[in-house]
Amino acid sequence: MAYRLTALLLILCLPFPAPAAECRLRVAVAASFRPALESLLPEFQRRHDCGVQLSSGSSGVLYQQLVHGAPYDLFLSADRLRPELLERQGLLVPGSRASYARGLLALWAPGGAALSADTLRRWRGRVVIADPELAPFGAAAREALSHLGLWSQLRPRLARAANAGQAYLLLESGHGGIGFVAASQLRAAGRGGDYWLLPENWYPPIEHQLAIPASSRRRAMAESLSSYLRSPAVQRRLVQLGYGRGIDRGSR
């Protein structure tokens, strides 16, 4: 009897395997890319059994958050400038910065009206634009308007949104007139032909880059998501979602 009691006590004292920590990847994503990312994540999560927590905003605001220590595992910017700045500051995992998409700029007015450069020349109302200092699509819109010689003319009538996502919402609400948004946002919303894709040579390439912050606690999973987004299958899907064809896979 004493032997059995001793054996039972020994079993009870043996360490049991601790439950695996819940996998949750914290991703900072540019507002314009969030709809596309949300459509791509289910397949990634099915493969990797890991939750993904998204925080979205303008690339400039997310950059500032990372500089001040925000605990993100992966940064999906809508430009290459902010990832480059983080790299120069030593705030990234070495070699993690890479291109994953190329954005396309669209002029949109809800209601299906035909749009063109002449629309901008004749327009007398408000023009919605993401903040050019913080949002890559806003900076691209500024360059396109400068190319047309309209920046100074339209500048007093610009309605500046914090990011491309908010620019879209302002226009969708009917309070914005016409404005510049990401083509991918319109595709995600099921918009047909009621927008105009601006020629890509009117603005610098909107090269989207991602990077893994040096403070990431889930570097391996962040690298898995990075590889997934840059895979040929996802790149084909991104074209369907309103992004440009081809990325510079060697771009660092």
C-alpha atoms as a PDB file:
ATOM      1  CA  MET A   1       0.000   0.000   0.000  1.00  0.00           C
ATOM      2  CA  ALA A   2       2.816   2.376   0.940  1.00  0.00           C
ATOM      3  CA  TYR A   3       4.525   1.506  -2.346  1.00  0.00           C
ATOM      4  CA  ARG A   4       1.406   2.368  -4.353  1.00  0.00           C
ATOM      5  CA  LEU A   5       0.991   5.680  -2.505  1.00  0.00           C
ATOM      6  CA  THR A   6       4.623   6.588  -3.127  1.00  0.00           C
ATOM      7  CA  ALA A   7       4.299   5.734  -6.820  1.00  0.00           C
ATOM      8  CA  LEU A   8       1.138   7.852  -7.116  1.00  0.00           C
ATOM      9  CA  LEU A   9       2.854  10.822  -5.484  1.00  0.00           C
ATOM     10  CA  LEU A  10       5.783  10.491  -7.879  1.00  0.00           C
ATOM     11  CA  ILE A  11       3.423  10.504 -10.864  1.00  0.00           C
ATOM     12  CA  LEU A  12       1.609  13.576  -9.575  1.00  0.00           C
ATOM     13  CA  CYS A  13       4.909  15.376  -9.130  1.00  0.00           C
ATOM     14  CA  LEU A  14       6.088  14.721 -12.678  1.00  0.00           C
ATOM     15  CA  PRO A  15       5.999  17.857 -14.852  1.00  0.00           C
ATOM     16  CA  PHE A  16       3.253  17.855 -17.486  1.00  0.00           C
ATOM     17  CA  PRO A  17       3.885  19.444 -20.870  1.00  0.00           C
ATOM     18  CA  ALA A  18       2.791  23.067 -20.815  1.00  0.00           C
ATOM     19  CA  PRO A  19       0.124  23.956 -23.375  1.00  0.00           C
ATOM     20  CA  ALA A  20       1.591  25.520 -26.472  1.00  0.00           C
ATOM     21  CA  ALA A  21       1.512  29.276 -26.403  1.00  0.00           C
ATOM     22  CA  GLU A  22      -1.176  30.721 -28.635  1.00  0.00           C
ATOM     23  CA  CYS A  23       0.311  31.768 -31.960  1.00  0.00           C
ATOM     24  CA  ARG A  24      -0.612  35.328 -32.814  1.00  0.00           C
ATOM     25  CA  LEU A  25       1.230  37.396 -35.387  1.00  0.00           C
ATOM     26  CA  ARG A  26       0.956  41.170 -34.999  1.00  0.00           C
ATOM     27  CA  VAL A  27       0.989  42.862 -38.385  1.00  0.00           C
ATOM     28  CA  ALA A  28       1.136  46.593 -39.106  1.00  0.00           C
ATOM     29  CA  VAL A  29      -0.432  47.037 -42.550  1.00  0.00           C
ATOM     30  CA  ALA A  30      -0.923  50.107 -44.732  1.00  0.00           C
ATOM     31  CA  ALA A  31      -4.630  50.989 -44.846  1.00  0.00           C
ATOM     32  CA  SER A  32      -4.801  50.614 -48.624  1.00  0.00           C
ATOM     33  CA  PHE A  33      -3.482  47.030 -48.484  1.00  0.00           C
ATOM     34  CA  ARG A  34      -5.672  45.812 -45.639  1.00  0.00           C
ATOM     35  CA  PRO A  35      -8.639  44.638 -47.797  1.00  0.00           C
ATOM     36  CA  ALA A  36      -6.315  42.577 -50.002  1.00  0.00           C
ATOM     37  CA  LEU A  37      -4.491  41.143 -46.998  1.00  0.00           C
ATOM     38  CA  GLU A  38      -7.752  40.133 -45.336  1.00  0.00           C
ATOM     39  CA  SER A  39      -8.716  38.171 -48.443  1.00  0.00           C
ATOM     40  CA  LEU A  40      -5.330  36.405 -48.508  1.00  0.00           C
ATOM     41  CA  LEU A  41      -4.983  35.528 -44.829  1.00  0.00           C
ATOM     42  CA  PRO A  42      -7.452  32.602 -44.548  1.00  0.00           C
ATOM     43  CA  GLU A  43      -5.254  30.377 -46.730  1.00  0.00           C
ATOM     44  CA  PHE A  44      -2.123  31.371 -44.802  1.00  0.00           C
ATOM     45  CA  GLN A  45      -3.807  30.673 -41.466  1.00  0.00           C
ATOM     46  CA  ARG A  46      -5.074  27.326 -42.715  1.00  0.00           C
ATOM     47  CA  ARG A  47      -1.518  26.319 -43.552  1.00  0.00           C
ATOM     48  CA  HIS A  48       0.149  27.645 -40.410  1.00  0.00           C
ATOM     49  CA  ASP A  49      -2.514  27.518 -37.675  1.00  0.00           C
ATOM     50  CA  CYS A  50      -1.597  30.974 -36.430  1.00  0.00           C
ATOM     51  CA  GLY A  51      -3.817  33.945 -35.706  1.00  0.00           C
ATOM     52  CA  VAL A  52      -3.044  37.325 -37.240  1.00  0.00           C
ATOM     53  CA  GLN A  53      -3.814  40.612 -35.500  1.00  0.00           C
ATOM     54  CA  LEU A  54      -3.950  43.578 -37.878  1.00  0.00           C
ATOM     55  CA  SER A  55      -3.286  47.230 -37.114  1.00  0.00           C
ATOM     56  CA  SER A  56      -3.774  49.559 -40.086  1.00  0.00           C
ATOM     57  CA  GLY A  57      -3.059  53.195 -40.830  1.00  0.00           C
ATOM     58  CA  SER A  58      -0.949  55.299 -43.137  1.00  0.00           C
ATOM     59  CA  SER A  59       2.549  53.988 -43.767  1.00  0.00           C
ATOM     60  CA  GLY A  60       3.964  57.131 -42.167  1.00  0.00           C
ATOM     61  CA  VAL A  61       1.997  56.714 -38.949  1.00  0.00           C
ATOM     62  CA  LEU A  62       2.865  53.013 -38.688  1.00  0.00           C
ATOM     63  CA  TYR A  63       6.514  53.899 -39.235  1.00  0.00           C
ATOM     64  CA  GLN A  64       6.389  56.361 -36.346  1.00  0.00           C
ATOM     65  CA  GLN A  65       4.799  53.709 -34.137  1.00  0.00           C
ATOM     66  CA  LEU A  66       7.607  51.281 -34.942  1.00  0.00           C
ATOM     67  CA  VAL A  67      10.257  53.906 -34.235  1.00  0.00           C
ATOM     68  CA  HIS A  68       8.684  54.392 -30.804  1.00  0.00           C
ATOM     69  CA  GLY A  69       8.664  50.673 -30.014  1.00  0.00           C
ATOM     70  CA  ALA A  70       5.248  49.395 -31.127  1.00  0.00           C
ATOM     71  CA  PRO A  71       5.301  45.581 -30.758  1.00  0.00           C
ATOM     72  CA  TYR A  72       4.690  44.489 -34.358  1.00  0.00           C
ATOM     73  CA  ASP A  73       6.019  41.287 -35.903  1.00  0.00           C
ATOM     74  CA  LEU A  74       5.719  42.366 -39.539  1.00  0.00           C
ATOM     75  CA  PHE A  75       5.390  45.739 -41.261  1.00  0.00           C
ATOM     76  CA  LEU A  76       3.571  45.946 -44.605  1.00  0.00           C
ATOM     77  CA  SER A  77       4.187  49.416 -45.970  1.00  0.00           C
ATOM     78  CA  ALA A  78       2.659  50.954 -49.101  1.00  0.00           C
ATOM     79  CA  ASP A  79       6.046  52.406 -50.017  1.00  0.00           C
ATOM     80  CA  ARG A  80       9.716  51.525 -49.782  1.00  0.00           C
ATOM     81  CA  LEU A  81      10.772  54.727 -48.025  1.00  0.00           C
ATOM     82  CA  ARG A  82       9.628  53.796 -44.511  1.00  0.00           C
ATOM     83  CA  PRO A  83      11.140  50.280 -44.531  1.00  0.00           C
ATOM     84  CA  GLU A  84      14.380  51.799 -45.828  1.00  0.00           C
ATOM     85  CA  LEU A  85      14.371  54.356 -43.009  1.00  0.00           C
ATOM     86  CA  LEU A  86      13.814  51.623 -40.422  1.00  0.00           C
ATOM     87  CA  GLU A  87      16.660  49.634 -41.939  1.00  0.00           C
ATOM     88  CA  ARG A  88      19.027  52.609 -41.729  1.00  0.00           C
ATOM     89  CA  GLN A  89      18.075  53.044 -38.076  1.00  0.00           C
ATOM     90  CA  GLY A  90      18.926  49.420 -37.318  1.00  0.00           C
ATOM     91  CA  LEU A  91      15.327  48.586 -36.397  1.00  0.00           C
ATOM     92  CA  LEU A  92      14.823  45.657 -38.792  1.00  0.00           C
ATOM     93  CA  VAL A  93      15.890  42.037 -38.940  1.00  0.00           C
ATOM     94  CA  PRO A  94      18.797  42.162 -41.433  1.00  0.00           C
ATOM     95  CA  GLY A  95      17.774  41.037 -44.905  1.00  0.00           C
ATOM     96  CA  SER A  96      14.036  41.027 -44.163  1.00  0.00           C
ATOM     97  CA  ARG A  97      13.107  44.058 -46.289  1.00  0.00           C
ATOM     98  CA  ALA A  98      11.562  43.073 -49.633  1.00  0.00           C
ATOM     99  CA  SER A  99       9.013  44.199 -52.224  1.00  0.00           C
ATOM    100  CA  TYR A 100       5.622  42.485 -52.214  1.00  0.00           C
ATOM    101  CA  ALA A 101       3.258  44.587 -54.396  1.00  0.00           C
ATOM    102  CA  ARG A 102       2.981  47.595 -56.684  1.00  0.00           C
ATOM    103  CA  GLY A 103       0.066  49.935 -56.146  1.00  0.00           C
ATOM    104  CA  LEU A 104      -2.000  51.599 -58.873  1.00  0.00           C
ATOM    105  CA  LEU A 105      -3.496  55.070 -58.456  1.00  0.00           C
ATOM    106  CA  ALA A 106      -7.117  55.692 -59.446  1.00  0.00           C
ATOM    107  CA  LEU A 107      -9.352  58.743 -59.719  1.00  0.00           C
ATOM    108  CA  TRP A 108     -12.830  57.938 -58.450  1.00  0.00           C
ATOM    109  CA  ALA A 109     -16.208  59.610 -58.198  1.00  0.00           C
ATOM    110  CA  PRO A 110     -19.097  57.471 -56.897  1.00  0.00           C
ATOM    111  CA  GLY A 111     -21.894  57.328 -59.416  1.00  0.00           C
ATOM    112  CA  GLY A 112     -20.250  55.977 -62.521  1.00  0.00           C
ATOM    113  CA  ALA A 113     -19.334  59.238 -64.261  1.00  0.00           C
ATOM    114  CA  ALA A 114     -16.657  59.004 -66.958  1.00  0.00           C
ATOM    115  CA  LEU A 115     -13.387  60.355 -65.582  1.00  0.00           C
ATOM    116  CA  SER A 116     -10.218  61.616 -67.239  1.00  0.00           C
ATOM    117  CA  ALA A 117      -7.562  64.307 -66.978  1.00  0.00           C
ATOM    118  CA  ASP A 118     -10.107  66.723 -68.443  1.00  0.00           C
ATOM    119  CA  THR A 119     -12.364  65.987 -65.469  1.00  0.00           C
ATOM    120  CA  LEU A 120      -9.680  67.359 -63.171  1.00  0.00           C
ATOM    121  CA  ARG A 121      -9.088  70.390 -65.379  1.00  0.00           C
ATOM    122  CA  ARG A 122     -12.786  71.308 -65.350  1.00  0.00           C
ATOM    123  CA  TRP A 123     -13.518  70.329 -61.766  1.00  0.00           C
ATOM    124  CA  ARG A 124     -14.602  73.134 -59.437  1.00  0.00           C
ATOM    125  CA  GLY A 125     -15.467  71.133 -56.352  1.00  0.00           C
ATOM    126  CA  ARG A 126     -13.525  69.392 -53.631  1.00  0.00           C
ATOM    127  CA  VAL A 127     -10.839  66.798 -54.388  1.00  0.00           C
ATOM    128  CA  VAL A 128     -10.077  64.102 -51.825  1.00  0.00           C
ATOM    129  CA  ILE A 129      -6.485  63.020 -51.359  1.00  0.00           C
ATOM    130  CA  ALA A 130      -4.640  61.011 -48.717  1.00  0.00           C
ATOM    131  CA  ASP A 131      -2.108  63.096 -46.795  1.00  0.00           C
ATOM    132  CA  PRO A 132       0.924  63.268 -49.127  1.00  0.00           C
ATOM    133  CA  GLU A 133       3.303  63.549 -46.173  1.00  0.00           C
ATOM    134  CA  LEU A 134       2.125  60.311 -44.569  1.00  0.00           C
ATOM    135  CA  ALA A 135       0.407  58.183 -47.223  1.00  0.00           C
ATOM    136  CA  PRO A 136       2.170  56.888 -50.354  1.00  0.00           C
ATOM    137  CA  PHE A 137      -1.004  57.122 -52.447  1.00  0.00           C
ATOM    138  CA  GLY A 138      -1.350  60.750 -51.407  1.00  0.00           C
ATOM    139  CA  ALA A 139       2.236  61.422 -52.469  1.00  0.00           C
ATOM    140  CA  ALA A 140       1.546  59.706 -55.804  1.00  0.00           C
ATOM    141  CA  ALA A 141      -1.589  61.817 -56.321  1.00  0.00           C
ATOM    142  CA  ARG A 142       0.408  64.976 -55.665  1.00  0.00           C
ATOM    143  CA  GLU A 143       2.967  63.945 -58.275  1.00  0.00           C
ATOM    144  CA  ALA A 144       0.235  63.129 -60.814  1.00  0.00           C
ATOM    145  CA  LEU A 145      -1.413  66.513 -60.296  1.00  0.00           C
ATOM    146  CA  SER A 146       1.975  68.203 -60.634  1.00  0.00           C
ATOM    147  CA  HIS A 147       2.526  66.303 -63.886  1.00  0.00           C
ATOM    148  CA  LEU A 148      -0.746  67.783 -65.175  1.00  0.00           C
ATOM    149  CA  GLY A 149       0.173  71.248 -63.921  1.00  0.00           C
ATOM    150  CA  LEU A 150      -2.848  71.236 -61.599  1.00  0.00           C
ATOM    151  CA  TRP A 151      -1.317  70.945 -58.134  1.00  0.00           C
ATOM    152  CA  SER A 152      -1.251  74.674 -57.395  1.00  0.00           C
ATOM    153  CA  GLN A 153      -4.722  75.166 -58.880  1.00  0.00           C
ATOM    154  CA  LEU A 154      -6.383  72.375 -56.903  1.00  0.00           C
ATOM    155  CA  ARG A 155      -4.389  72.626 -53.689  1.00  0.00           C
ATOM    156  CA  PRO A 156      -6.789  75.083 -51.951  1.00  0.00           C
ATOM    157  CA  ARG A 157      -9.679  72.682 -52.587  1.00  0.00           C
ATOM    158  CA  LEU A 158      -8.024  69.494 -51.414  1.00  0.00           C
ATOM    159  CA  ALA A 159      -9.696  67.490 -48.659  1.00  0.00           C
ATOM    160  CA  ARG A 160      -6.867  65.594 -46.971  1.00  0.00           C
ATOM    161  CA  ALA A 161      -7.594  62.231 -45.417  1.00  0.00           C
ATOM    162  CA  ALA A 162      -5.257  60.528 -42.959  1.00  0.00           C
ATOM    163  CA  ASN A 163      -4.686  57.593 -45.305  1.00  0.00           C
ATOM    164  CA  ALA A 164      -5.972  55.977 -48.498  1.00  0.00           C
ATOM    165  CA  GLY A 165      -8.564  53.986 -46.566  1.00  0.00           C
ATOM    166  CA  GLN A 166     -10.099  57.118 -45.107  1.00  0.00           C
ATOM    167  CA  ALA A 167      -9.978  58.833 -48.495  1.00  0.00           C
ATOM    168  CA  TYR A 168     -12.074  56.003 -49.900  1.00  0.00           C
ATOM    169  CA  LEU A 169     -14.581  56.189 -47.037  1.00  0.00           C
ATOM    170  CA  LEU A 170     -14.937  59.948 -47.442  1.00  0.00           C
ATOM    171  CA  LEU A 171     -15.712  59.558 -51.130  1.00  0.00           C
ATOM    172  CA  GLU A 172     -18.041  56.616 -50.570  1.00  0.00           C
ATOM    173  CA  SER A 173     -20.058  58.646 -48.071  1.00  0.00           C
ATOM    174  CA  GLY A 174     -20.875  61.141 -50.809  1.00  0.00           C
ATOM    175  CA  HIS A 175     -19.136  64.048 -49.100  1.00  0.00           C
ATOM    176  CA  GLY A 176     -15.976  64.120 -51.145  1.00  0.00           C
ATOM    177  CA  GLY A 177     -16.802  64.873 -54.789  1.00  0.00           C
ATOM    178  CA  ILE A 178     -13.926  63.197 -56.626  1.00  0.00           C
ATOM    179  CA  GLY A 179     -10.648  61.913 -55.305  1.00  0.00           C
ATOM    180  CA  PHE A 180      -7.612  59.680 -55.514  1.00  0.00           C
ATOM    181  CA  VAL A 181      -7.591  56.190 -54.031  1.00  0.00           C
ATOM    182  CA  ALA A 182      -5.871  52.851 -54.536  1.00  0.00           C
ATOM    183  CA  ALA A 183      -7.281  50.814 -57.407  1.00  0.00           C
ATOM    184  CA  SER A 184      -7.213  47.796 -55.117  1.00  0.00           C
ATOM    185  CA  GLN A 185      -9.675  49.463 -52.745  1.00  0.00           C
ATOM    186  CA  LEU A 186     -12.169  49.896 -55.579  1.00  0.00           C
ATOM    187  CA  ARG A 187     -11.662  46.314 -56.739  1.00  0.00           C
ATOM    188  CA  ALA A 188     -12.205  45.024 -53.204  1.00  0.00           C
ATOM    189  CA  ALA A 189     -15.442  47.020 -52.974  1.00  0.00           C
ATOM    190  CA  GLY A 190     -16.724  45.501 -56.211  1.00  0.00           C
ATOM    191  CA  ARG A 191     -16.604  48.752 -58.159  1.00  0.00           C
ATOM    192  CA  GLY A 192     -16.807  48.295 -61.893  1.00  0.00           C
ATOM    193  CA  GLY A 193     -15.699  50.927 -64.358  1.00  0.00           C
ATOM    194  CA  ASP A 194     -16.582  54.054 -62.391  1.00  0.00           C
ATOM    195  CA  TYR A 195     -12.938  55.002 -61.908  1.00  0.00           C
ATOM    196  CA  TRP A 196      -9.964  55.986 -64.005  1.00  0.00           C
ATOM    197  CA  LEU A 197      -6.531  54.403 -63.676  1.00  0.00           C
ATOM    198  CA  LEU A 198      -3.923  57.111 -64.007  1.00  0.00           C
ATOM    199  CA  PRO A 199      -0.979  56.368 -66.321  1.00  0.00           C
ATOM    200  CA  GLU A 200       1.834  54.938 -64.214  1.00  0.00           C
ATOM    201  CA  ASN A 201       4.400  57.281 -65.761  1.00  0.00           C
ATOM    202  CA  TRP A 202       2.611  60.239 -64.148  1.00  0.00           C
ATOM    203  CA  TYR A 203       3.821  59.292 -60.678  1.00  0.00           C
ATOM    204  CA  PRO A 204       6.732  57.386 -59.116  1.00  0.00           C
ATOM    205  CA  PRO A 205       6.164  53.638 -58.695  1.00  0.00           C
ATOM    206  CA  ILE A 206       4.118  52.881 -55.585  1.00  0.00           C
ATOM    207  CA  GLU A 207       6.396  50.028 -54.586  1.00  0.00           C
ATOM    208  CA  HIS A 208       5.103  48.253 -51.493  1.00  0.00           C
ATOM    209  CA  GLN A 209       7.771  46.803 -49.221  1.00  0.00           C
ATOM    210  CA  LEU A 210       7.564  44.685 -46.104  1.00  0.00           C
ATOM    211  CA  ALA A 211      10.040  44.126 -43.301  1.00  0.00           C
ATOM    212  CA  ILE A 212      10.376  42.303 -39.998  1.00  0.00           C
ATOM    213  CA  PRO A 213      11.059  44.596 -37.026  1.00  0.00           C
ATOM    214  CA  ALA A 214      14.072  43.624 -34.937  1.00  0.00           C
ATOM    215  CA  SER A 215      11.778  43.512 -31.899  1.00  0.00           C
ATOM    216  CA  SER A 216       9.517  40.842 -33.440  1.00  0.00           C
ATOM    217  CA  ARG A 217       8.824  37.919 -31.131  1.00  0.00           C
ATOM    218  CA  ARG A 218       7.644  35.673 -33.960  1.00  0.00           C
ATOM    219  CA  ARG A 219      10.323  36.068 -36.568  1.00  0.00           C
ATOM    220  CA  ALA A 220       9.890  32.614 -38.106  1.00  0.00           C
ATOM    221  CA  MET A 221       6.142  33.078 -38.588  1.00  0.00           C
ATOM    222  CA  ALA A 222       6.683  36.615 -39.888  1.00  0.00           C
ATOM    223  CA  GLU A 223       9.121  35.222 -42.448  1.00  0.00           C
ATOM    224  CA  SER A 224       6.508  32.622 -43.433  1.00  0.00           C
ATOM    225  CA  LEU A 225       3.936  35.349 -44.099  1.00  0.00           C
ATOM    226  CA  SER A 226       6.537  37.385 -45.986  1.00  0.00           C
ATOM    227  CA  SER A 227       7.329  34.408 -48.230  1.00  0.00           C
ATOM    228  CA  TYR A 228       3.631  33.656 -48.712  1.00  0.00           C
ATOM    229  CA  LEU A 229       2.845  37.194 -49.883  1.00  0.00           C
ATOM    230  CA  ARG A 230       5.729  37.119 -52.360  1.00  0.00           C
ATOM    231  CA  SER A 231       4.894  33.668 -53.729  1.00  0.00           C
ATOM    232  CA  PRO A 232       3.899  33.360 -57.429  1.00  0.00           C
ATOM    233  CA  ALA A 233       0.362  32.247 -56.553  1.00  0.00           C
ATOM    234  CA  VAL A 234      -0.287  35.253 -54.319  1.00  0.00           C
ATOM    235  CA  GLN A 235       1.330  37.604 -56.829  1.00  0.00           C
ATOM    236  CA  ARG A 236      -1.130  36.408 -59.476  1.00  0.00           C
ATOM    237  CA  ARG A 237      -3.958  36.930 -57.021  1.00  0.00           C
ATOM    238  CA  LEU A 238      -2.785  40.479 -56.277  1.00  0.00           C
ATOM    239  CA  VAL A 239      -3.088  41.386 -59.958  1.00  0.00           C
ATOM    240  CA  GLN A 240      -6.726  40.267 -59.777  1.00  0.00           C
ATOM    241  CA  LEU A 241      -7.123  42.433 -56.676  1.00  0.00           C
ATOM    242  CA  GLY A 242      -6.033  45.597 -58.459  1.00  0.00           C
ATOM    243  CA  TYR A 243      -2.243  45.657 -58.124  1.00  0.00           C
ATOM    244  CA  GLY A 244       0.364  46.044 -60.834  1.00  0.00           C
ATOM    245  CA  ARG A 245       2.063  43.098 -62.478  1.00  0.00           C
ATOM    246  CA  GLY A 246       5.491  42.069 -61.349  1.00  0.00           C
ATOM    247  CA  ILE A 247       7.622  43.069 -58.393  1.00  0.00           C
ATOM    248  CA  ASP A 248      11.364  43.420 -58.132  1.00  0.00           C
ATOM    249  CA  ARG A 249      12.162  40.255 -56.180  1.00  0.00           C
ATOM    250  CA  GLY A 250      15.717  41.406 -55.662  1.00  0.00           C
ATOM    251  CA  SER A 251      14.723  44.821 -54.385  1.00  0.00           C
ATOM    252  CA  ARG A 252      16.287  45.571 -51.010  1.00  0.00           C
END
